[in-house]
Amino acid sequence: MNNDTITFDQIPGTIKQLVDEVKSLREKIDKISENTDQRKGQDTHRVLYVEEVCKMIRKSRNTLYAMTSKGIIPSYKQGKYLYFFEDEILEWIKTSRKNVNVRIN
């Protein structure tokens, strides 16, 4: 669409062109929104390294290595490197919760 003056006879065609452009923009916005929603679900499935997990669970490197070798904490080994996924560590923390009976007098 150009910036020339629109005559009365051109109004229907111009309106149709504007409607088509708005429809196209809406489709593009919907695609971007879908991609953003999909990425949000994947944000917690990001790779964590040993130092990050140590900070998260407040354990030393040696303790973390012992936990991984015993299969206590979910981890992945690629060559000589250990990797963790944030969502798996968070789930492990949730499922490792101990029930505590608290008495209030």
C-alpha atoms as a PDB file:
ATOM      1  CA  MET A   1       0.000   0.000   0.000  1.00  0.00           C
ATOM      2  CA  ASN A   2       1.431   3.374  -0.925  1.00  0.00           C
ATOM      3  CA  ASN A   3       0.823   6.819   0.593  1.00  0.00           C
ATOM      4  CA  ASP A   4      -1.027   8.285  -2.422  1.00  0.00           C
ATOM      5  CA  THR A   5      -4.438   9.814  -1.946  1.00  0.00           C
ATOM      6  CA  ILE A   6      -7.188   7.179  -2.025  1.00  0.00           C
ATOM      7  CA  THR A   7     -10.292   7.902  -4.055  1.00  0.00           C
ATOM      8  CA  PHE A   8     -13.774   6.855  -3.027  1.00  0.00           C
ATOM      9  CA  ASP A   9     -13.735   4.047  -5.595  1.00  0.00           C
ATOM     10  CA  GLN A  10     -10.497   2.631  -4.147  1.00  0.00           C
ATOM     11  CA  ILE A  11     -11.794   2.375  -0.563  1.00  0.00           C
ATOM     12  CA  PRO A  12     -13.138  -1.231  -0.823  1.00  0.00           C
ATOM     13  CA  GLY A  13      -9.883  -2.530  -2.325  1.00  0.00           C
ATOM     14  CA  THR A  14      -7.803  -0.635   0.206  1.00  0.00           C
ATOM     15  CA  ILE A  15      -9.873  -1.978   3.109  1.00  0.00           C
ATOM     16  CA  LYS A  16      -9.468  -5.531   1.786  1.00  0.00           C
ATOM     17  CA  GLN A  17      -5.709  -5.012   1.545  1.00  0.00           C
ATOM     18  CA  LEU A  18      -5.608  -3.710   5.136  1.00  0.00           C
ATOM     19  CA  VAL A  19      -7.701  -6.640   6.393  1.00  0.00           C
ATOM     20  CA  ASP A  20      -5.340  -9.087   4.634  1.00  0.00           C
ATOM     21  CA  GLU A  21      -2.298  -7.413   6.159  1.00  0.00           C
ATOM     22  CA  VAL A  22      -3.832  -7.491   9.658  1.00  0.00           C
ATOM     23  CA  LYS A  23      -4.654 -11.188   9.183  1.00  0.00           C
ATOM     24  CA  SER A  24      -1.067 -11.866   8.121  1.00  0.00           C
ATOM     25  CA  LEU A  25       0.283  -9.986  11.157  1.00  0.00           C
ATOM     26  CA  ARG A  26      -2.008 -11.939  13.496  1.00  0.00           C
ATOM     27  CA  GLU A  27      -0.740 -15.238  12.048  1.00  0.00           C
ATOM     28  CA  LYS A  28       2.863 -14.125  12.562  1.00  0.00           C
ATOM     29  CA  ILE A  29       2.138 -13.053  16.153  1.00  0.00           C
ATOM     30  CA  ASP A  30       0.445 -16.406  16.854  1.00  0.00           C
ATOM     31  CA  LYS A  31       3.502 -18.284  15.514  1.00  0.00           C
ATOM     32  CA  ILE A  32       5.844 -16.208  17.660  1.00  0.00           C
ATOM     33  CA  SER A  33       3.608 -16.757  20.678  1.00  0.00           C
ATOM     34  CA  GLU A  34       3.558 -20.543  20.103  1.00  0.00           C
ATOM     35  CA  ASN A  35       7.351 -20.655  19.783  1.00  0.00           C
ATOM     36  CA  THR A  36       7.708 -18.632  22.983  1.00  0.00           C
ATOM     37  CA  ASP A  37       5.327 -20.966  24.840  1.00  0.00           C
ATOM     38  CA  GLN A  38       7.276 -24.013  23.627  1.00  0.00           C
ATOM     39  CA  ARG A  39      10.564 -22.483  24.774  1.00  0.00           C
ATOM     40  CA  LYS A  40       9.123 -21.703  28.212  1.00  0.00           C
ATOM     41  CA  GLY A  41       8.520 -25.393  28.769  1.00  0.00           C
ATOM     42  CA  GLN A  42      12.099 -26.189  27.828  1.00  0.00           C
ATOM     43  CA  ASP A  43      13.715 -23.507  29.974  1.00  0.00           C
ATOM     44  CA  THR A  44      13.992 -25.771  33.003  1.00  0.00           C
ATOM     45  CA  HIS A  45      15.461 -28.605  30.928  1.00  0.00           C
ATOM     46  CA  ARG A  46      18.723 -26.747  30.708  1.00  0.00           C
ATOM     47  CA  VAL A  47      22.115 -28.234  31.400  1.00  0.00           C
ATOM     48  CA  LEU A  48      23.709 -27.616  34.789  1.00  0.00           C
ATOM     49  CA  TYR A  49      27.351 -28.187  35.577  1.00  0.00           C
ATOM     50  CA  VAL A  50      28.893 -29.590  38.752  1.00  0.00           C
ATOM     51  CA  GLU A  51      29.461 -26.182  40.362  1.00  0.00           C
ATOM     52  CA  GLU A  52      25.844 -25.126  39.801  1.00  0.00           C
ATOM     53  CA  VAL A  53      24.444 -28.343  41.256  1.00  0.00           C
ATOM     54  CA  CYS A  54      26.777 -28.076  44.260  1.00  0.00           C
ATOM     55  CA  LYS A  55      25.359 -24.626  44.981  1.00  0.00           C
ATOM     56  CA  MET A  56      21.798 -25.832  44.436  1.00  0.00           C
ATOM     57  CA  ILE A  57      21.972 -28.759  46.820  1.00  0.00           C
ATOM     58  CA  ARG A  58      24.585 -27.196  49.128  1.00  0.00           C
ATOM     59  CA  LYS A  59      27.019 -30.072  48.895  1.00  0.00           C
ATOM     60  CA  SER A  60      30.734 -30.197  48.118  1.00  0.00           C
ATOM     61  CA  ARG A  61      32.121 -31.452  44.819  1.00  0.00           C
ATOM     62  CA  ASN A  62      33.363 -34.653  46.483  1.00  0.00           C
ATOM     63  CA  THR A  63      29.935 -35.341  47.977  1.00  0.00           C
ATOM     64  CA  LEU A  64      28.246 -34.693  44.631  1.00  0.00           C
ATOM     65  CA  TYR A  65      30.668 -37.041  42.848  1.00  0.00           C
ATOM     66  CA  ALA A  66      29.951 -39.724  45.454  1.00  0.00           C
ATOM     67  CA  MET A  67      26.199 -39.234  45.019  1.00  0.00           C
ATOM     68  CA  THR A  68      26.460 -39.591  41.237  1.00  0.00           C
ATOM     69  CA  SER A  69      28.635 -42.703  41.426  1.00  0.00           C
ATOM     70  CA  LYS A  70      26.082 -44.319  43.785  1.00  0.00           C
ATOM     71  CA  GLY A  71      23.202 -43.294  41.507  1.00  0.00           C
ATOM     72  CA  ILE A  72      21.599 -41.188  44.217  1.00  0.00           C
ATOM     73  CA  ILE A  73      21.233 -38.072  42.076  1.00  0.00           C
ATOM     74  CA  PRO A  74      20.266 -38.021  38.355  1.00  0.00           C
ATOM     75  CA  SER A  75      23.270 -37.233  36.173  1.00  0.00           C
ATOM     76  CA  TYR A  76      24.804 -37.844  32.766  1.00  0.00           C
ATOM     77  CA  LYS A  77      28.405 -38.552  31.931  1.00  0.00           C
ATOM     78  CA  GLN A  78      29.892 -37.653  28.567  1.00  0.00           C
ATOM     79  CA  GLY A  79      33.518 -38.606  28.439  1.00  0.00           C
ATOM     80  CA  LYS A  80      35.061 -37.244  31.618  1.00  0.00           C
ATOM     81  CA  TYR A  81      32.386 -34.572  32.153  1.00  0.00           C
ATOM     82  CA  LEU A  82      29.287 -34.761  34.341  1.00  0.00           C
ATOM     83  CA  TYR A  83      26.074 -33.027  33.325  1.00  0.00           C
ATOM     84  CA  PHE A  84      22.752 -32.516  35.043  1.00  0.00           C
ATOM     85  CA  PHE A  85      19.380 -31.187  33.924  1.00  0.00           C
ATOM     86  CA  GLU A  86      17.799 -28.513  36.077  1.00  0.00           C
ATOM     87  CA  ASP A  87      14.277 -29.979  35.929  1.00  0.00           C
ATOM     88  CA  GLU A  88      15.560 -33.417  36.968  1.00  0.00           C
ATOM     89  CA  ILE A  89      17.509 -31.981  39.917  1.00  0.00           C
ATOM     90  CA  LEU A  90      14.469 -29.984  41.064  1.00  0.00           C
ATOM     91  CA  GLU A  91      12.277 -33.081  40.792  1.00  0.00           C
ATOM     92  CA  TRP A  92      14.891 -35.110  42.699  1.00  0.00           C
ATOM     93  CA  ILE A  93      14.868 -32.496  45.463  1.00  0.00           C
ATOM     94  CA  LYS A  94      11.052 -32.628  45.637  1.00  0.00           C
ATOM     95  CA  THR A  95      10.898 -36.428  45.775  1.00  0.00           C
ATOM     96  CA  SER A  96      13.701 -36.641  48.332  1.00  0.00           C
ATOM     97  CA  ARG A  97      11.654 -34.760  50.899  1.00  0.00           C
ATOM     98  CA  LYS A  98      11.474 -36.451  54.266  1.00  0.00           C
ATOM     99  CA  ASN A  99       8.304 -36.397  56.323  1.00  0.00           C
ATOM    100  CA  VAL A 100       8.826 -34.658  59.619  1.00  0.00           C
ATOM    101  CA  ASN A 101       6.394 -34.902  62.491  1.00  0.00           C
ATOM    102  CA  VAL A 102       6.250 -31.615  64.336  1.00  0.00           C
ATOM    103  CA  ARG A 103       4.660 -31.398  67.754  1.00  0.00           C
ATOM    104  CA  ILE A 104       3.331 -28.124  68.945  1.00  0.00           C
ATOM    105  CA  ASN A 105       2.649 -27.903  72.676  1.00  0.00           C
END
